[in-house]
Protein backbone atom coordinates (compact mmCIF):
# COMPACT_ATOMS: atom_id res chain seq x y z
CA MET A 1 103.22 81.68 76.04
CA THR A 2 102.96 77.90 75.71
CA ILE A 3 103.76 75.14 78.20
CA ASP A 4 105.86 72.17 77.20
CA TRP A 5 103.96 69.44 79.01
CA SER A 6 106.51 66.82 77.98
CA TRP A 7 109.19 68.75 79.91
CA ILE A 8 107.03 68.67 83.03
CA GLY A 9 106.49 64.93 82.63
CA ASP A 10 110.21 64.33 82.20
CA HIS A 11 111.10 66.41 85.27
CA THR A 12 108.48 65.24 87.77
CA ASP A 13 111.12 63.97 90.21
CA ASP A 14 113.03 67.26 90.05
CA LEU A 15 109.85 69.28 90.59
CA THR A 16 108.91 67.14 93.58
CA SER A 17 112.37 67.45 95.11
CA LEU A 18 112.46 71.22 94.64
CA THR A 19 108.95 71.58 96.09
CA PHE A 20 109.87 69.70 99.27
CA SER A 21 113.14 71.64 99.55
CA HIS A 22 111.21 74.90 99.16
CA LEU A 23 108.65 73.92 101.78
CA GLN A 24 111.32 72.72 104.21
CA ALA A 25 113.18 76.03 104.10
CA ALA A 26 110.00 78.08 104.58
CA MET A 27 108.57 76.01 107.43
CA THR A 28 111.89 75.78 109.26
CA ALA A 29 112.13 79.57 109.19
CA VAL A 30 108.57 79.96 110.54
CA LEU A 31 109.19 77.47 113.35
CA LEU A 32 112.42 79.19 114.34
CA GLY A 33 110.66 82.53 114.16
CA LEU A 34 107.99 81.24 116.54
CA LEU A 35 110.58 79.90 118.99
CA ILE A 36 112.28 83.30 119.05
CA SER A 37 109.22 85.55 118.94
CA LEU A 38 107.12 83.86 121.64
CA PRO A 39 109.47 84.54 124.58
CA LEU A 40 110.33 87.99 123.20
CA ALA A 41 106.62 88.81 122.90
CA VAL A 42 105.98 87.73 126.50
CA LEU A 43 108.87 89.95 127.57
CA ALA A 44 107.53 92.88 125.54
CA HIS A 45 104.06 92.32 126.97
CA ARG A 46 105.26 92.11 130.56
CA VAL A 47 107.99 94.79 130.47
CA ARG A 48 106.45 97.77 128.72
CA PRO A 49 109.69 99.78 128.25
CA LEU A 50 111.04 96.92 126.11
CA ARG A 51 107.96 96.80 123.90
CA GLY A 52 108.86 99.74 121.68
CA PHE A 53 112.49 98.67 121.41
CA LEU A 54 111.75 95.07 120.39
CA LEU A 55 109.00 95.96 117.93
CA GLY A 56 111.10 98.78 116.50
CA LEU A 57 114.10 96.49 116.07
CA SER A 58 112.01 93.90 114.25
CA ASN A 59 110.66 96.63 111.95
CA VAL A 60 114.19 97.81 111.16
CA LEU A 61 115.27 94.27 110.27
CA PHE A 62 112.23 93.95 107.99
CA THR A 63 113.30 97.01 105.98
CA ILE A 64 116.56 95.34 104.92
CA PRO A 65 116.20 93.89 101.39
CA SER A 66 116.13 90.09 101.42
CA ILE A 67 119.07 89.77 99.03
CA ALA A 68 121.13 92.08 101.26
CA ILE A 69 120.43 89.87 104.29
CA PHE A 70 121.55 86.78 102.42
CA VAL A 71 124.70 88.55 101.25
CA LEU A 72 125.50 89.76 104.77
CA LEU A 73 125.16 86.21 106.07
CA LEU A 74 127.46 84.69 103.44
CA PRO A 75 130.72 85.34 105.36
CA VAL A 76 129.22 83.58 108.38
CA SER A 77 127.30 80.60 106.99
CA GLY A 78 128.38 80.53 103.34
CA LEU A 79 126.37 79.18 100.41
CA THR A 80 124.29 76.87 102.57
CA ARG A 81 120.69 76.23 103.55
CA THR A 82 121.53 77.83 106.91
CA THR A 83 121.91 81.20 105.18
CA THR A 84 118.48 80.82 103.59
CA VAL A 85 116.76 79.78 106.81
CA VAL A 86 118.36 82.49 108.96
CA GLY A 87 117.51 85.17 106.42
CA LEU A 88 113.89 84.05 106.22
CA THR A 89 113.63 83.78 110.00
CA VAL A 90 114.59 87.44 110.32
CA TYR A 91 111.65 88.37 108.09
CA THR A 92 109.16 86.24 110.03
CA LEU A 93 110.03 87.95 113.31
CA VAL A 94 108.35 91.27 112.52
CA VAL A 95 105.00 89.56 111.85
CA LEU A 96 105.16 86.89 114.54
CA LEU A 97 106.44 89.20 117.27
CA ARG A 98 103.88 91.93 116.66
CA ASN A 99 100.94 89.54 116.38
CA THR A 100 101.93 87.64 119.51
CA VAL A 101 102.21 90.86 121.50
CA GLU A 102 98.84 92.05 120.20
CA GLY A 103 97.32 88.66 120.95
CA LEU A 104 98.53 88.78 124.55
CA ASP A 105 97.30 92.36 124.86
CA SER A 106 93.83 91.24 123.71
CA VAL A 107 93.37 88.86 126.65
CA PRO A 108 90.83 90.50 129.03
CA ALA A 109 92.39 91.70 132.28
CA LYS A 110 89.44 90.25 134.22
CA THR A 111 90.23 86.79 132.87
CA LYS A 112 93.82 86.99 134.11
CA GLU A 113 92.67 88.37 137.45
CA ALA A 114 90.23 85.47 137.83
CA ALA A 115 93.03 82.99 137.14
CA ARG A 116 95.23 84.64 139.77
CA ALA A 117 92.35 84.68 142.25
CA MET A 118 92.04 80.92 141.81
CA GLY A 119 95.69 80.55 142.82
CA THR A 120 97.01 79.82 139.34
CA ARG A 121 100.72 80.52 139.05
CA PRO A 122 101.87 83.12 136.48
CA LEU A 123 103.53 80.57 134.16
CA ARG A 124 100.48 78.33 134.18
CA THR A 125 98.23 81.33 133.58
CA LEU A 126 100.35 82.24 130.58
CA LEU A 127 100.27 78.73 129.12
CA THR A 128 96.68 77.76 129.91
CA VAL A 129 94.85 81.08 129.76
CA GLU A 130 96.72 83.82 127.92
CA PHE A 131 98.25 81.88 125.04
CA PRO A 132 95.04 79.95 124.23
CA LEU A 133 92.97 83.16 124.19
CA ALA A 134 95.64 84.93 122.12
CA LEU A 135 95.89 82.00 119.70
CA PRO A 136 93.61 83.41 116.95
CA VAL A 137 95.73 86.56 116.65
CA ILE A 138 98.97 84.57 116.87
CA MET A 139 97.78 82.16 114.18
CA ALA A 140 96.93 85.08 111.91
CA GLY A 141 100.58 86.09 112.17
CA VAL A 142 101.74 82.53 111.55
CA ARG A 143 99.65 82.38 108.37
CA ILE A 144 101.10 85.64 107.08
CA ALA A 145 104.65 84.61 108.00
CA THR A 146 104.22 81.23 106.30
CA VAL A 147 102.93 82.65 103.03
CA MET A 148 105.61 85.34 103.10
CA SER A 149 108.38 82.79 103.71
CA ILE A 150 107.16 80.54 100.89
CA SER A 151 107.28 83.50 98.51
CA LEU A 152 110.73 84.66 99.69
CA VAL A 153 112.50 81.30 99.47
CA SER A 154 112.92 81.84 95.73
CA VAL A 155 115.12 84.88 96.39
CA ALA A 156 117.75 82.55 97.86
CA THR A 157 118.38 81.31 94.32
CA TYR A 158 120.95 84.10 94.10
CA ILE A 159 123.07 82.32 96.72
CA GLY A 160 122.71 78.87 95.20
CA ASP A 161 119.61 77.75 97.11
CA GLY A 162 116.03 78.84 96.56
CA GLY A 163 114.00 75.68 96.06
CA LEU A 164 111.49 76.33 93.28
CA GLY A 165 113.28 79.60 92.55
CA GLN A 166 115.86 77.54 90.67
CA LEU A 167 113.18 76.95 88.03
CA PHE A 168 112.90 80.71 87.50
CA THR A 169 116.63 81.05 86.94
CA ASP A 170 116.72 78.06 84.60
CA GLY A 171 113.78 79.32 82.57
CA PHE A 172 115.06 82.87 82.24
CA GLN A 173 118.57 81.82 81.33
CA ARG A 174 117.32 79.51 78.56
CA ASP A 175 114.43 81.76 77.51
CA PHE A 176 112.20 78.76 78.20
CA PRO A 177 108.97 79.73 79.99
CA THR A 178 107.81 76.27 81.10
CA PRO A 179 110.06 76.02 84.21
CA VAL A 180 109.09 79.55 85.21
CA ILE A 181 105.38 78.81 84.93
CA ALA A 182 105.80 75.53 86.81
CA GLY A 183 107.71 77.30 89.58
CA VAL A 184 105.07 80.03 89.93
CA VAL A 185 102.17 77.56 90.00
CA LEU A 186 103.85 75.28 92.53
CA THR A 187 104.78 78.22 94.77
CA ILE A 188 101.19 79.49 94.75
CA LEU A 189 99.86 75.99 95.46
CA LEU A 190 102.27 75.61 98.38
CA ALA A 191 101.12 78.91 99.86
CA VAL A 192 97.42 78.11 99.42
CA VAL A 193 97.71 74.59 100.86
CA ALA A 194 99.87 75.73 103.79
CA ASP A 195 97.43 78.52 104.63
CA ALA A 196 94.46 76.12 104.46
CA LEU A 197 96.21 73.65 106.78
CA LEU A 198 96.92 76.42 109.28
CA VAL A 199 93.27 77.49 109.21
CA ALA A 200 92.29 73.87 109.91
CA LEU A 201 94.85 73.69 112.74
CA GLN A 202 93.45 76.85 114.32
CA TYR A 203 89.94 75.39 114.06
CA VAL A 204 91.07 72.28 115.93
CA LEU A 205 93.00 74.22 118.59
CA THR A 206 90.18 76.64 119.42
CA PRO A 207 87.11 74.48 120.17
CA TRP A 208 85.62 77.15 122.46
CA ARG A 209 85.20 79.47 119.47
CA ARG A 210 83.15 76.79 117.69
CA ARG A 211 80.92 76.32 120.74
CA ARG A 212 80.41 80.06 121.06
CA ALA A 213 79.56 80.33 117.36
């Protein structure tokens, strides 16, 4: 299998545009997933009877094939980027919700009791004590959700979107491997770079772990 380097040179602008489109769809889904999962995780952590229901519901949604989700959304949002983002967001929820709940569960009870004893209000305790201590577990979920979303964007090619996934379709249809290889390499690079940036972000946001180390 050979690579036509001249094709890559002639399509640099297209590759750049598709890469940014791919990244935009994946990151938008992760951000929306965080906005939805954080309050739900707090609710599941605080109200135990809801825990099993919310986690179970997210697991059920995760079992639906990605193409099926996109198809089910078509009557609502049509062949648009919205369909791609909503479908990907559904898949991020199972990882983000579970990790956030587990992160909150990992906060020592004595630490929360000490905060309450100092007169700290529940919301402030959540924001300044519980979330920071749960951050490593939450960030692990964000990393998984990000890599997963970057890999799943290509599936949206079947509804006319898909970012770098369009290169796969183009290459297979023309029996021309260069676009396929370029799409695979760029997708892997996106995932690796995004994961590395999230590791760096966690390092910056958790200075107490560095001091302890």
